[in-house]
Amino acid sequence: MKGLGELERAVMELLWAREAPATARDVSRALADRDLAHTTVMTVLDRLAKKDFLVRERDGRAWAYRPAASRESYVAELMLGALAMSGDRDAALAAFARSVTDDEAAALRRVLEGLT
């Protein structure tokens, strides 16, 4: 599973929260508190597109970026990757199930019942 660095995560969180695609300038403005060079933002966006986290489309002379998949899909991939690292998937799943809240367990039950 491809991981995200701290700045990549910040950019992805920003783009997941937006409804419309964003240009590098939009992202730079949104992350202005980090005092990043515009070229740094452009590099991070390009890297995320090459890792298939983002889809980019022309917007005039600039590129507009949007997430290739939802935040939930990304988290699910992380969870599956962690599960794959386990020597005993059943034990890992059992430990996970014991750690969730009652509401989370109920949500899992609803999803599992819907699969049958």
PDB file of N, CA and C in Angstrom:
ATOM      1  N   MET A   1       0.841  -1.181   0.000  1.00  0.00           N
ATOM      2  CA  MET A   1       0.000   0.000   0.000  1.00  0.00           C
ATOM      3  C   MET A   1       0.882   1.239   0.000  1.00  0.00           C
ATOM      4  N   LYS A   2       0.566   2.137  -0.884  1.00  0.00           N
ATOM      5  CA  LYS A   2       1.324   3.376  -0.961  1.00  0.00           C
ATOM      6  C   LYS A   2       0.978   4.265   0.227  1.00  0.00           C
ATOM      7  N   GLY A   3       1.997   4.751   0.901  1.00  0.00           N
ATOM      8  CA  GLY A   3       1.768   5.623   2.043  1.00  0.00           C
ATOM      9  C   GLY A   3       1.829   7.087   1.641  1.00  0.00           C
ATOM     10  N   LEU A   4       1.443   7.925   2.573  1.00  0.00           N
ATOM     11  CA  LEU A   4       1.473   9.361   2.366  1.00  0.00           C
ATOM     12  C   LEU A   4       2.363  10.002   3.411  1.00  0.00           C
ATOM     13  N   GLY A   5       3.187  10.938   2.971  1.00  0.00           N
ATOM     14  CA  GLY A   5       3.966  11.735   3.904  1.00  0.00           C
ATOM     15  C   GLY A   5       3.071  12.777   4.562  1.00  0.00           C
ATOM     16  N   GLU A   6       3.625  13.513   5.518  1.00  0.00           N
ATOM     17  CA  GLU A   6       2.834  14.483   6.279  1.00  0.00           C
ATOM     18  C   GLU A   6       2.243  15.570   5.380  1.00  0.00           C
ATOM     19  N   LEU A   7       3.031  16.136   4.478  1.00  0.00           N
ATOM     20  CA  LEU A   7       2.535  17.182   3.581  1.00  0.00           C
ATOM     21  C   LEU A   7       1.559  16.597   2.561  1.00  0.00           C
ATOM     22  N   GLU A   8       1.856  15.400   2.074  1.00  0.00           N
ATOM     23  CA  GLU A   8       0.932  14.738   1.150  1.00  0.00           C
ATOM     24  C   GLU A   8      -0.422  14.506   1.821  1.00  0.00           C
ATOM     25  N   ARG A   9      -0.405  14.086   3.078  1.00  0.00           N
ATOM     26  CA  ARG A   9      -1.662  13.881   3.820  1.00  0.00           C
ATOM     27  C   ARG A   9      -2.441  15.179   3.954  1.00  0.00           C
ATOM     28  N   ALA A  10      -1.733  16.272   4.247  1.00  0.00           N
ATOM     29  CA  ALA A  10      -2.392  17.574   4.377  1.00  0.00           C
ATOM     30  C   ALA A  10      -3.058  17.981   3.065  1.00  0.00           C
ATOM     31  N   VAL A  11      -2.367  17.757   1.952  1.00  0.00           N
ATOM     32  CA  VAL A  11      -2.925  18.088   0.640  1.00  0.00           C
ATOM     33  C   VAL A  11      -4.135  17.199   0.346  1.00  0.00           C
ATOM     34  N   MET A  12      -4.009  15.911   0.629  1.00  0.00           N
ATOM     35  CA  MET A  12      -5.137  15.004   0.382  1.00  0.00           C
ATOM     36  C   MET A  12      -6.334  15.373   1.249  1.00  0.00           C
ATOM     37  N   GLU A  13      -6.113  15.693   2.517  1.00  0.00           N
ATOM     38  CA  GLU A  13      -7.224  16.093   3.393  1.00  0.00           C
ATOM     39  C   GLU A  13      -7.928  17.315   2.828  1.00  0.00           C
ATOM     40  N   LEU A  14      -7.160  18.261   2.338  1.00  0.00           N
ATOM     41  CA  LEU A  14      -7.722  19.457   1.735  1.00  0.00           C
ATOM     42  C   LEU A  14      -8.571  19.106   0.518  1.00  0.00           C
ATOM     43  N   LEU A  15      -8.032  18.263  -0.352  1.00  0.00           N
ATOM     44  CA  LEU A  15      -8.753  17.916  -1.577  1.00  0.00           C
ATOM     45  C   LEU A  15      -9.962  17.020  -1.294  1.00  0.00           C
ATOM     46  N   TRP A  16      -9.862  16.130  -0.317  1.00  0.00           N
ATOM     47  CA  TRP A  16     -11.022  15.312   0.042  1.00  0.00           C
ATOM     48  C   TRP A  16     -12.155  16.186   0.583  1.00  0.00           C
ATOM     49  N   ALA A  17     -11.813  17.272   1.245  1.00  0.00           N
ATOM     50  CA  ALA A  17     -12.825  18.152   1.834  1.00  0.00           C
ATOM     51  C   ALA A  17     -13.502  19.047   0.789  1.00  0.00           C
ATOM     52  N   ARG A  18     -12.878  19.231  -0.350  1.00  0.00           N
ATOM     53  CA  ARG A  18     -13.428  20.097  -1.405  1.00  0.00           C
ATOM     54  C   ARG A  18     -14.395  19.317  -2.278  1.00  0.00           C
ATOM     55  N   GLU A  19     -15.368  20.031  -2.813  1.00  0.00           N
ATOM     56  CA  GLU A  19     -16.293  19.400  -3.758  1.00  0.00           C
ATOM     57  C   GLU A  19     -15.804  19.538  -5.189  1.00  0.00           C
ATOM     58  N   ALA A  20     -15.010  20.561  -5.453  1.00  0.00           N
ATOM     59  CA  ALA A  20     -14.529  20.821  -6.809  1.00  0.00           C
ATOM     60  C   ALA A  20     -13.029  20.574  -6.890  1.00  0.00           C
ATOM     61  N   PRO A  21     -12.530  20.285  -8.080  1.00  0.00           N
ATOM     62  CA  PRO A  21     -11.084  20.151  -8.253  1.00  0.00           C
ATOM     63  C   PRO A  21     -10.380  21.451  -7.864  1.00  0.00           C
ATOM     64  N   ALA A  22      -9.094  21.350  -7.562  1.00  0.00           N
ATOM     65  CA  ALA A  22      -8.307  22.507  -7.137  1.00  0.00           C
ATOM     66  C   ALA A  22      -7.030  22.604  -7.959  1.00  0.00           C
ATOM     67  N   THR A  23      -6.626  23.819  -8.250  1.00  0.00           N
ATOM     68  CA  THR A  23      -5.352  24.055  -8.914  1.00  0.00           C
ATOM     69  C   THR A  23      -4.255  24.136  -7.848  1.00  0.00           C
ATOM     70  N   ALA A  24      -3.016  24.138  -8.304  1.00  0.00           N
ATOM     71  CA  ALA A  24      -1.896  24.282  -7.368  1.00  0.00           C
ATOM     72  C   ALA A  24      -2.013  25.605  -6.617  1.00  0.00           C
ATOM     73  N   ARG A  25      -2.468  26.647  -7.286  1.00  0.00           N
ATOM     74  CA  ARG A  25      -2.639  27.941  -6.632  1.00  0.00           C
ATOM     75  C   ARG A  25      -3.695  27.861  -5.533  1.00  0.00           C
ATOM     76  N   ASP A  26      -4.808  27.146  -5.798  1.00  0.00           N
ATOM     77  CA  ASP A  26      -5.847  26.954  -4.774  1.00  0.00           C
ATOM     78  C   ASP A  26      -5.267  26.251  -3.549  1.00  0.00           C
ATOM     79  N   VAL A  27      -4.490  25.213  -3.794  1.00  0.00           N
ATOM     80  CA  VAL A  27      -3.899  24.444  -2.694  1.00  0.00           C
ATOM     81  C   VAL A  27      -2.889  25.302  -1.938  1.00  0.00           C
ATOM     82  N   SER A  28      -2.060  26.055  -2.663  1.00  0.00           N
ATOM     83  CA  SER A  28      -1.087  26.947  -2.015  1.00  0.00           C
ATOM     84  C   SER A  28      -1.793  27.940  -1.103  1.00  0.00           C
ATOM     85  N   ARG A  29      -2.876  28.527  -1.586  1.00  0.00           N
ATOM     86  CA  ARG A  29      -3.621  29.492  -0.770  1.00  0.00           C
ATOM     87  C   ARG A  29      -4.213  28.822   0.468  1.00  0.00           C
ATOM     88  N   ALA A  30      -4.743  27.627   0.294  1.00  0.00           N
ATOM     89  CA  ALA A  30      -5.371  26.928   1.419  1.00  0.00           C
ATOM     90  C   ALA A  30      -4.336  26.514   2.466  1.00  0.00           C
ATOM     91  N   LEU A  31      -3.106  26.302   2.042  1.00  0.00           N
ATOM     92  CA  LEU A  31      -2.036  25.897   2.967  1.00  0.00           C
ATOM     93  C   LEU A  31      -1.092  27.063   3.281  1.00  0.00           C
ATOM     94  N   ALA A  32      -1.576  28.286   3.124  1.00  0.00           N
ATOM     95  CA  ALA A  32      -0.733  29.473   3.302  1.00  0.00           C
ATOM     96  C   ALA A  32      -0.090  29.526   4.684  1.00  0.00           C
ATOM     97  N   ASP A  33      -0.753  28.990   5.700  1.00  0.00           N
ATOM     98  CA  ASP A  33      -0.201  29.022   7.058  1.00  0.00           C
ATOM     99  C   ASP A  33       1.076  28.192   7.184  1.00  0.00           C
ATOM    100  N   ARG A  34       1.324  27.314   6.226  1.00  0.00           N
ATOM    101  CA  ARG A  34       2.535  26.471   6.252  1.00  0.00           C
ATOM    102  C   ARG A  34       3.729  27.153   5.602  1.00  0.00           C
ATOM    103  N   ASP A  35       3.497  28.293   4.952  1.00  0.00           N
ATOM    104  CA  ASP A  35       4.569  29.059   4.319  1.00  0.00           C
ATOM    105  C   ASP A  35       5.370  28.194   3.338  1.00  0.00           C
ATOM    106  N   LEU A  36       4.650  27.518   2.449  1.00  0.00           N
ATOM    107  CA  LEU A  36       5.289  26.652   1.455  1.00  0.00           C
ATOM    108  C   LEU A  36       5.523  27.412   0.156  1.00  0.00           C
ATOM    109  N   ALA A  37       6.600  27.111  -0.507  1.00  0.00           N
ATOM    110  CA  ALA A  37       6.822  27.663  -1.842  1.00  0.00           C
ATOM    111  C   ALA A  37       5.805  27.050  -2.794  1.00  0.00           C
ATOM    112  N   HIS A  38       5.357  27.864  -3.745  1.00  0.00           N
ATOM    113  CA  HIS A  38       4.378  27.369  -4.716  1.00  0.00           C
ATOM    114  C   HIS A  38       4.926  26.154  -5.465  1.00  0.00           C
ATOM    115  N   THR A  39       6.234  26.165  -5.753  1.00  0.00           N
ATOM    116  CA  THR A  39       6.838  25.033  -6.460  1.00  0.00           C
ATOM    117  C   THR A  39       6.785  23.757  -5.618  1.00  0.00           C
ATOM    118  N   THR A  40       6.853  23.901  -4.301  1.00  0.00           N
ATOM    119  CA  THR A  40       6.743  22.734  -3.416  1.00  0.00           C
ATOM    120  C   THR A  40       5.361  22.120  -3.538  1.00  0.00           C
ATOM    121  N   VAL A  41       4.337  22.967  -3.533  1.00  0.00           N
ATOM    122  CA  VAL A  41       2.960  22.485  -3.677  1.00  0.00           C
ATOM    123  C   VAL A  41       2.794  21.804  -5.028  1.00  0.00           C
ATOM    124  N   MET A  42       3.340  22.403  -6.074  1.00  0.00           N
ATOM    125  CA  MET A  42       3.235  21.798  -7.407  1.00  0.00           C
ATOM    126  C   MET A  42       3.920  20.432  -7.437  1.00  0.00           C
ATOM    127  N   THR A  43       5.055  20.306  -6.789  1.00  0.00           N
ATOM    128  CA  THR A  43       5.782  19.034  -6.734  1.00  0.00           C
ATOM    129  C   THR A  43       4.974  17.982  -5.991  1.00  0.00           C
ATOM    130  N   VAL A  44       4.391  18.359  -4.869  1.00  0.00           N
ATOM    131  CA  VAL A  44       3.588  17.412  -4.084  1.00  0.00           C
ATOM    132  C   VAL A  44       2.371  16.957  -4.892  1.00  0.00           C
ATOM    133  N   LEU A  45       1.701  17.880  -5.562  1.00  0.00           N
ATOM    134  CA  LEU A  45       0.544  17.509  -6.382  1.00  0.00           C
ATOM    135  C   LEU A  45       0.958  16.562  -7.512  1.00  0.00           C
ATOM    136  N   ASP A  46       2.075  16.867  -8.153  1.00  0.00           N
ATOM    137  CA  ASP A  46       2.562  16.000  -9.227  1.00  0.00           C
ATOM    138  C   ASP A  46       2.906  14.616  -8.697  1.00  0.00           C
ATOM    139  N   ARG A  47       3.550  14.561  -7.541  1.00  0.00           N
ATOM    140  CA  ARG A  47       3.907  13.278  -6.933  1.00  0.00           C
ATOM    141  C   ARG A  47       2.650  12.468  -6.593  1.00  0.00           C
ATOM    142  N   LEU A  48       1.638  13.131  -6.044  1.00  0.00           N
ATOM    143  CA  LEU A  48       0.392  12.438  -5.706  1.00  0.00           C
ATOM    144  C   LEU A  48      -0.323  11.934  -6.956  1.00  0.00           C
ATOM    145  N   ALA A  49      -0.242  12.683  -8.035  1.00  0.00           N
ATOM    146  CA  ALA A  49      -0.845  12.229  -9.292  1.00  0.00           C
ATOM    147  C   ALA A  49      -0.088  11.008  -9.823  1.00  0.00           C
ATOM    148  N   LYS A  50       1.236  11.021  -9.731  1.00  0.00           N
ATOM    149  CA  LYS A  50       2.033   9.881 -10.196  1.00  0.00           C
ATOM    150  C   LYS A  50       1.806   8.640  -9.338  1.00  0.00           C
ATOM    151  N   LYS A  51       1.466   8.833  -8.057  1.00  0.00           N
ATOM    152  CA  LYS A  51       1.160   7.715  -7.167  1.00  0.00           C
ATOM    153  C   LYS A  51      -0.296   7.264  -7.317  1.00  0.00           C
ATOM    154  N   ASP A  52      -1.034   7.896  -8.215  1.00  0.00           N
ATOM    155  CA  ASP A  52      -2.446   7.584  -8.484  1.00  0.00           C
ATOM    156  C   ASP A  52      -3.388   7.950  -7.341  1.00  0.00           C
ATOM    157  N   PHE A  53      -2.974   8.886  -6.492  1.00  0.00           N
ATOM    158  CA  PHE A  53      -3.885   9.405  -5.473  1.00  0.00           C
ATOM    159  C   PHE A  53      -4.754  10.517  -6.047  1.00  0.00           C
ATOM    160  N   LEU A  54      -4.236  11.214  -7.062  1.00  0.00           N
ATOM    161  CA  LEU A  54      -4.960  12.325  -7.674  1.00  0.00           C
ATOM    162  C   LEU A  54      -5.132  12.105  -9.163  1.00  0.00           C
ATOM    163  N   VAL A  55      -6.202  12.675  -9.674  1.00  0.00           N
ATOM    164  CA  VAL A  55      -6.444  12.742 -11.113  1.00  0.00           C
ATOM    165  C   VAL A  55      -6.295  14.214 -11.478  1.00  0.00           C
ATOM    166  N   ARG A  56      -5.614  14.483 -12.573  1.00  0.00           N
ATOM    167  CA  ARG A  56      -5.461  15.879 -12.966  1.00  0.00           C
ATOM    168  C   ARG A  56      -6.027  16.099 -14.358  1.00  0.00           C
ATOM    169  N   GLU A  57      -6.625  17.285 -14.510  1.00  0.00           N
ATOM    170  CA  GLU A  57      -7.218  17.672 -15.788  1.00  0.00           C
ATOM    171  C   GLU A  57      -6.831  19.107 -16.062  1.00  0.00           C
ATOM    172  N   ARG A  58      -6.730  19.444 -17.327  1.00  0.00           N
ATOM    173  CA  ARG A  58      -6.384  20.815 -17.711  1.00  0.00           C
ATOM    174  C   ARG A  58      -7.501  21.773 -17.299  1.00  0.00           C
ATOM    175  N   ASP A  59      -7.093  22.913 -16.748  1.00  0.00           N
ATOM    176  CA  ASP A  59      -8.001  23.994 -16.393  1.00  0.00           C
ATOM    177  C   ASP A  59      -7.350  25.263 -16.929  1.00  0.00           C
ATOM    178  N   GLY A  60      -7.583  25.543 -18.218  1.00  0.00           N
ATOM    179  CA  GLY A  60      -6.857  26.637 -18.867  1.00  0.00           C
ATOM    180  C   GLY A  60      -5.399  26.259 -19.012  1.00  0.00           C
ATOM    181  N   ARG A  61      -4.524  27.088 -18.473  1.00  0.00           N
ATOM    182  CA  ARG A  61      -3.088  26.804 -18.550  1.00  0.00           C
ATOM    183  C   ARG A  61      -2.600  25.997 -17.360  1.00  0.00           C
ATOM    184  N   ALA A  62      -3.450  25.817 -16.383  1.00  0.00           N
ATOM    185  CA  ALA A  62      -3.063  25.099 -15.155  1.00  0.00           C
ATOM    186  C   ALA A  62      -3.672  23.695 -15.146  1.00  0.00           C
ATOM    187  N   TRP A  63      -3.233  22.905 -14.190  1.00  0.00           N
ATOM    188  CA  TRP A  63      -3.844  21.603 -13.937  1.00  0.00           C
ATOM    189  C   TRP A  63      -4.806  21.754 -12.764  1.00  0.00           C
ATOM    190  N   ALA A  64      -5.917  21.051 -12.833  1.00  0.00           N
ATOM    191  CA  ALA A  64      -6.851  20.975 -11.706  1.00  0.00           C
ATOM    192  C   ALA A  64      -6.793  19.543 -11.187  1.00  0.00           C
ATOM    193  N   TYR A  65      -6.712  19.405  -9.879  1.00  0.00           N
ATOM    194  CA  TYR A  65      -6.522  18.100  -9.247  1.00  0.00           C
ATOM    195  C   TYR A  65      -7.744  17.728  -8.416  1.00  0.00           C
ATOM    196  N   ARG A  66      -8.075  16.437  -8.458  1.00  0.00           N
ATOM    197  CA  ARG A  66      -9.131  15.908  -7.597  1.00  0.00           C
ATOM    198  C   ARG A  66      -8.700  14.519  -7.140  1.00  0.00           C
ATOM    199  N   PRO A  67      -9.205  14.097  -5.981  1.00  0.00           N
ATOM    200  CA  PRO A  67      -8.830  12.767  -5.493  1.00  0.00           C
ATOM    201  C   PRO A  67      -9.294  11.671  -6.454  1.00  0.00           C
ATOM    202  N   ALA A  68      -8.467  10.673  -6.625  1.00  0.00           N
ATOM    203  CA  ALA A  68      -8.818   9.529  -7.470  1.00  0.00           C
ATOM    204  C   ALA A  68      -9.805   8.609  -6.754  1.00  0.00           C
ATOM    205  N   ALA A  69      -9.795   8.637  -5.435  1.00  0.00           N
ATOM    206  CA  ALA A  69     -10.697   7.802  -4.631  1.00  0.00           C
ATOM    207  C   ALA A  69     -11.031   8.555  -3.343  1.00  0.00           C
ATOM    208  N   SER A  70     -12.023   8.083  -2.657  1.00  0.00           N
ATOM    209  CA  SER A  70     -12.460   8.726  -1.422  1.00  0.00           C
ATOM    210  C   SER A  70     -11.477   8.470  -0.275  1.00  0.00           C
ATOM    211  N   ARG A  71     -11.591   9.279   0.750  1.00  0.00           N
ATOM    212  CA  ARG A  71     -10.801   9.090   1.967  1.00  0.00           C
ATOM    213  C   ARG A  71     -11.095   7.709   2.542  1.00  0.00           C
ATOM    214  N   GLU A  72     -12.358   7.318   2.514  1.00  0.00           N
ATOM    215  CA  GLU A  72     -12.755   6.021   3.065  1.00  0.00           C
ATOM    216  C   GLU A  72     -12.104   4.864   2.310  1.00  0.00           C
ATOM    217  N   SER A  73     -11.994   4.986   1.002  1.00  0.00           N
ATOM    218  CA  SER A  73     -11.319   3.950   0.212  1.00  0.00           C
ATOM    219  C   SER A  73      -9.844   3.862   0.585  1.00  0.00           C
ATOM    220  N   TYR A  74      -9.220   5.024   0.789  1.00  0.00           N
ATOM    221  CA  TYR A  74      -7.816   5.040   1.178  1.00  0.00           C
ATOM    222  C   TYR A  74      -7.630   4.359   2.534  1.00  0.00           C
ATOM    223  N   VAL A  75      -8.474   4.700   3.491  1.00  0.00           N
ATOM    224  CA  VAL A  75      -8.370   4.100   4.823  1.00  0.00           C
ATOM    225  C   VAL A  75      -8.603   2.595   4.749  1.00  0.00           C
ATOM    226  N   ALA A  76      -9.566   2.175   3.933  1.00  0.00           N
ATOM    227  CA  ALA A  76      -9.821   0.741   3.777  1.00  0.00           C
ATOM    228  C   ALA A  76      -8.591   0.037   3.214  1.00  0.00           C
ATOM    229  N   GLU A  77      -7.903   0.672   2.256  1.00  0.00           N
ATOM    230  CA  GLU A  77      -6.673   0.078   1.714  1.00  0.00           C
ATOM    231  C   GLU A  77      -5.590  -0.028   2.782  1.00  0.00           C
ATOM    232  N   LEU A  78      -5.489   1.007   3.621  1.00  0.00           N
ATOM    233  CA  LEU A  78      -4.514   0.949   4.718  1.00  0.00           C
ATOM    234  C   LEU A  78      -4.835  -0.206   5.662  1.00  0.00           C
ATOM    235  N   MET A  79      -6.111  -0.360   5.976  1.00  0.00           N
ATOM    236  CA  MET A  79      -6.522  -1.438   6.878  1.00  0.00           C
ATOM    237  C   MET A  79      -6.226  -2.804   6.254  1.00  0.00           C
ATOM    238  N   LEU A  80      -6.507  -2.959   4.968  1.00  0.00           N
ATOM    239  CA  LEU A  80      -6.224  -4.227   4.297  1.00  0.00           C
ATOM    240  C   LEU A  80      -4.725  -4.499   4.238  1.00  0.00           C
ATOM    241  N   GLY A  81      -3.944  -3.446   4.030  1.00  0.00           N
ATOM    242  CA  GLY A  81      -2.491  -3.601   4.027  1.00  0.00           C
ATOM    243  C   GLY A  81      -1.972  -4.048   5.377  1.00  0.00           C
ATOM    244  N   ALA A  82      -2.517  -3.456   6.442  1.00  0.00           N
ATOM    245  CA  ALA A  82      -2.107  -3.857   7.792  1.00  0.00           C
ATOM    246  C   ALA A  82      -2.516  -5.295   8.064  1.00  0.00           C
ATOM    247  N   LEU A  83      -3.698  -5.671   7.618  1.00  0.00           N
ATOM    248  CA  LEU A  83      -4.167  -7.043   7.810  1.00  0.00           C
ATOM    249  C   LEU A  83      -3.279  -8.034   7.059  1.00  0.00           C
ATOM    250  N   ALA A  84      -2.836  -7.644   5.873  1.00  0.00           N
ATOM    251  CA  ALA A  84      -1.961  -8.513   5.084  1.00  0.00           C
ATOM    252  C   ALA A  84      -0.608  -8.725   5.759  1.00  0.00           C
ATOM    253  N   MET A  85      -0.197  -7.778   6.585  1.00  0.00           N
ATOM    254  CA  MET A  85       1.088  -7.897   7.287  1.00  0.00           C
ATOM    255  C   MET A  85       1.006  -8.858   8.456  1.00  0.00           C
ATOM    256  N   SER A  86      -0.196  -9.206   8.867  1.00  0.00           N
ATOM    257  CA  SER A  86      -0.378 -10.090  10.015  1.00  0.00           C
ATOM    258  C   SER A  86      -0.045 -11.524   9.627  1.00  0.00           C
ATOM    259  N   GLY A  87       0.572 -12.220  10.534  1.00  0.00           N
ATOM    260  CA  GLY A  87       0.835 -13.637  10.304  1.00  0.00           C
ATOM    261  C   GLY A  87      -0.424 -14.471  10.492  1.00  0.00           C
ATOM    262  N   ASP A  88      -1.377 -13.924  11.212  1.00  0.00           N
ATOM    263  CA  ASP A  88      -2.621 -14.633  11.507  1.00  0.00           C
ATOM    264  C   ASP A  88      -3.779 -13.657  11.324  1.00  0.00           C
ATOM    265  N   ARG A  89      -4.369 -13.671  10.125  1.00  0.00           N
ATOM    266  CA  ARG A  89      -5.434 -12.718   9.795  1.00  0.00           C
ATOM    267  C   ARG A  89      -6.623 -12.855  10.741  1.00  0.00           C
ATOM    268  N   ASP A  90      -6.988 -14.099  11.088  1.00  0.00           N
ATOM    269  CA  ASP A  90      -8.126 -14.304  11.987  1.00  0.00           C
ATOM    270  C   ASP A  90      -7.871 -13.655  13.345  1.00  0.00           C
ATOM    271  N   ALA A  91      -6.672 -13.828  13.871  1.00  0.00           N
ATOM    272  CA  ALA A  91      -6.331 -13.236  15.166  1.00  0.00           C
ATOM    273  C   ALA A  91      -6.322 -11.712  15.074  1.00  0.00           C
ATOM    274  N   ALA A  92      -5.802 -11.177  13.975  1.00  0.00           N
ATOM    275  CA  ALA A  92      -5.784  -9.724  13.800  1.00  0.00           C
ATOM    276  C   ALA A  92      -7.206  -9.175  13.709  1.00  0.00           C
ATOM    277  N   LEU A  93      -8.066  -9.862  12.961  1.00  0.00           N
ATOM    278  CA  LEU A  93      -9.461  -9.432  12.861  1.00  0.00           C
ATOM    279  C   LEU A  93     -10.166  -9.500  14.211  1.00  0.00           C
ATOM    280  N   ALA A  94      -9.889 -10.552  14.971  1.00  0.00           N
ATOM    281  CA  ALA A  94     -10.495 -10.699  16.297  1.00  0.00           C
ATOM    282  C   ALA A  94     -10.031  -9.577  17.220  1.00  0.00           C
ATOM    283  N   ALA A  95      -8.756  -9.251  17.193  1.00  0.00           N
ATOM    284  CA  ALA A  95      -8.237  -8.166  18.024  1.00  0.00           C
ATOM    285  C   ALA A  95      -8.863  -6.837  17.614  1.00  0.00           C
ATOM    286  N   PHE A  96      -9.013  -6.633  16.325  1.00  0.00           N
ATOM    287  CA  PHE A  96      -9.656  -5.415  15.841  1.00  0.00           C
ATOM    288  C   PHE A  96     -11.107  -5.351  16.313  1.00  0.00           C
ATOM    289  N   ALA A  97     -11.824  -6.458  16.167  1.00  0.00           N
ATOM    290  CA  ALA A  97     -13.238  -6.488  16.562  1.00  0.00           C
ATOM    291  C   ALA A  97     -13.402  -6.187  18.055  1.00  0.00           C
ATOM    292  N   ARG A  98     -12.471  -6.667  18.872  1.00  0.00           N
ATOM    293  CA  ARG A  98     -12.549  -6.401  20.314  1.00  0.00           C
ATOM    294  C   ARG A  98     -12.248  -4.943  20.650  1.00  0.00           C
ATOM    295  N   SER A  99     -11.595  -4.239  19.750  1.00  0.00           N
ATOM    296  CA  SER A  99     -11.183  -2.865  20.041  1.00  0.00           C
ATOM    297  C   SER A  99     -12.187  -1.807  19.593  1.00  0.00           C
ATOM    298  N   VAL A 100     -13.194  -2.187  18.800  1.00  0.00           N
ATOM    299  CA  VAL A 100     -14.134  -1.190  18.292  1.00  0.00           C
ATOM    300  C   VAL A 100     -15.219  -0.887  19.327  1.00  0.00           C
ATOM    301  N   THR A 101     -15.841   0.270  19.170  1.00  0.00           N
ATOM    302  CA  THR A 101     -16.937   0.655  20.051  1.00  0.00           C
ATOM    303  C   THR A 101     -18.190  -0.140  19.683  1.00  0.00           C
ATOM    304  N   ASP A 102     -19.188  -0.076  20.538  1.00  0.00           N
ATOM    305  CA  ASP A 102     -20.453  -0.758  20.248  1.00  0.00           C
ATOM    306  C   ASP A 102     -21.083  -0.224  18.960  1.00  0.00           C
ATOM    307  N   ASP A 103     -21.028   1.077  18.753  1.00  0.00           N
ATOM    308  CA  ASP A 103     -21.587   1.664  17.529  1.00  0.00           C
ATOM    309  C   ASP A 103     -20.830   1.187  16.290  1.00  0.00           C
ATOM    310  N   GLU A 104     -19.511   1.118  16.394  1.00  0.00           N
ATOM    311  CA  GLU A 104     -18.713   0.636  15.266  1.00  0.00           C
ATOM    312  C   GLU A 104     -18.996  -0.835  14.991  1.00  0.00           C
ATOM    313  N   ALA A 105     -19.158  -1.625  16.051  1.00  0.00           N
ATOM    314  CA  ALA A 105     -19.479  -3.045  15.876  1.00  0.00           C
ATOM    315  C   ALA A 105     -20.837  -3.197  15.190  1.00  0.00           C
ATOM    316  N   ALA A 106     -21.795  -2.366  15.574  1.00  0.00           N
ATOM    317  CA  ALA A 106     -23.119  -2.419  14.945  1.00  0.00           C
ATOM    318  C   ALA A 106     -23.026  -2.049  13.468  1.00  0.00           C
ATOM    319  N   ALA A 107     -22.208  -1.055  13.149  1.00  0.00           N
ATOM    320  CA  ALA A 107     -22.022  -0.670  11.747  1.00  0.00           C
ATOM    321  C   ALA A 107     -21.398  -1.814  10.953  1.00  0.00           C
ATOM    322  N   LEU A 108     -20.411  -2.484  11.536  1.00  0.00           N
ATOM    323  CA  LEU A 108     -19.787  -3.635  10.868  1.00  0.00           C
ATOM    324  C   LEU A 108     -20.810  -4.754  10.647  1.00  0.00           C
ATOM    325  N   ARG A 109     -21.628  -5.023  11.657  1.00  0.00           N
ATOM    326  CA  ARG A 109     -22.661  -6.063  11.513  1.00  0.00           C
ATOM    327  C   ARG A 109     -23.607  -5.739  10.365  1.00  0.00           C
ATOM    328  N   ARG A 110     -24.043  -4.485  10.282  1.00  0.00           N
ATOM    329  CA  ARG A 110     -24.959  -4.083   9.198  1.00  0.00           C
ATOM    330  C   ARG A 110     -24.324  -4.302   7.821  1.00  0.00           C
ATOM    331  N   VAL A 111     -23.066  -3.926   7.702  1.00  0.00           N
ATOM    332  CA  VAL A 111     -22.378  -4.093   6.414  1.00  0.00           C
ATOM    333  C   VAL A 111     -22.228  -5.577   6.094  1.00  0.00           C
ATOM    334  N   LEU A 112     -21.792  -6.375   7.066  1.00  0.00           N
ATOM    335  CA  LEU A 112     -21.603  -7.808   6.834  1.00  0.00           C
ATOM    336  C   LEU A 112     -22.916  -8.493   6.503  1.00  0.00           C
ATOM    337  N   GLU A 113     -23.991  -8.120   7.163  1.00  0.00           N
ATOM    338  CA  GLU A 113     -25.302  -8.721   6.858  1.00  0.00           C
ATOM    339  C   GLU A 113     -25.756  -8.348   5.452  1.00  0.00           C
ATOM    340  N   GLY A 114     -25.390  -7.159   5.001  1.00  0.00           N
ATOM    341  CA  GLY A 114     -25.758  -6.734   3.654  1.00  0.00           C
ATOM    342  C   GLY A 114     -25.000  -7.451   2.566  1.00  0.00           C
ATOM    343  N   LEU A 115     -23.882  -8.101   2.915  1.00  0.00           N
ATOM    344  CA  LEU A 115     -23.084  -8.824   1.931  1.00  0.00           C
ATOM    345  C   LEU A 115     -23.634 -10.199   1.606  1.00  0.00           C
ATOM    346  N   THR A 116     -24.471 -10.731   2.487  1.00  0.00           N
ATOM    347  CA  THR A 116     -24.988 -12.088   2.283  1.00  0.00           C
ATOM    348  C   THR A 116     -26.270 -12.108   1.503  1.00  0.00           C
TER     349      THR A 116
END
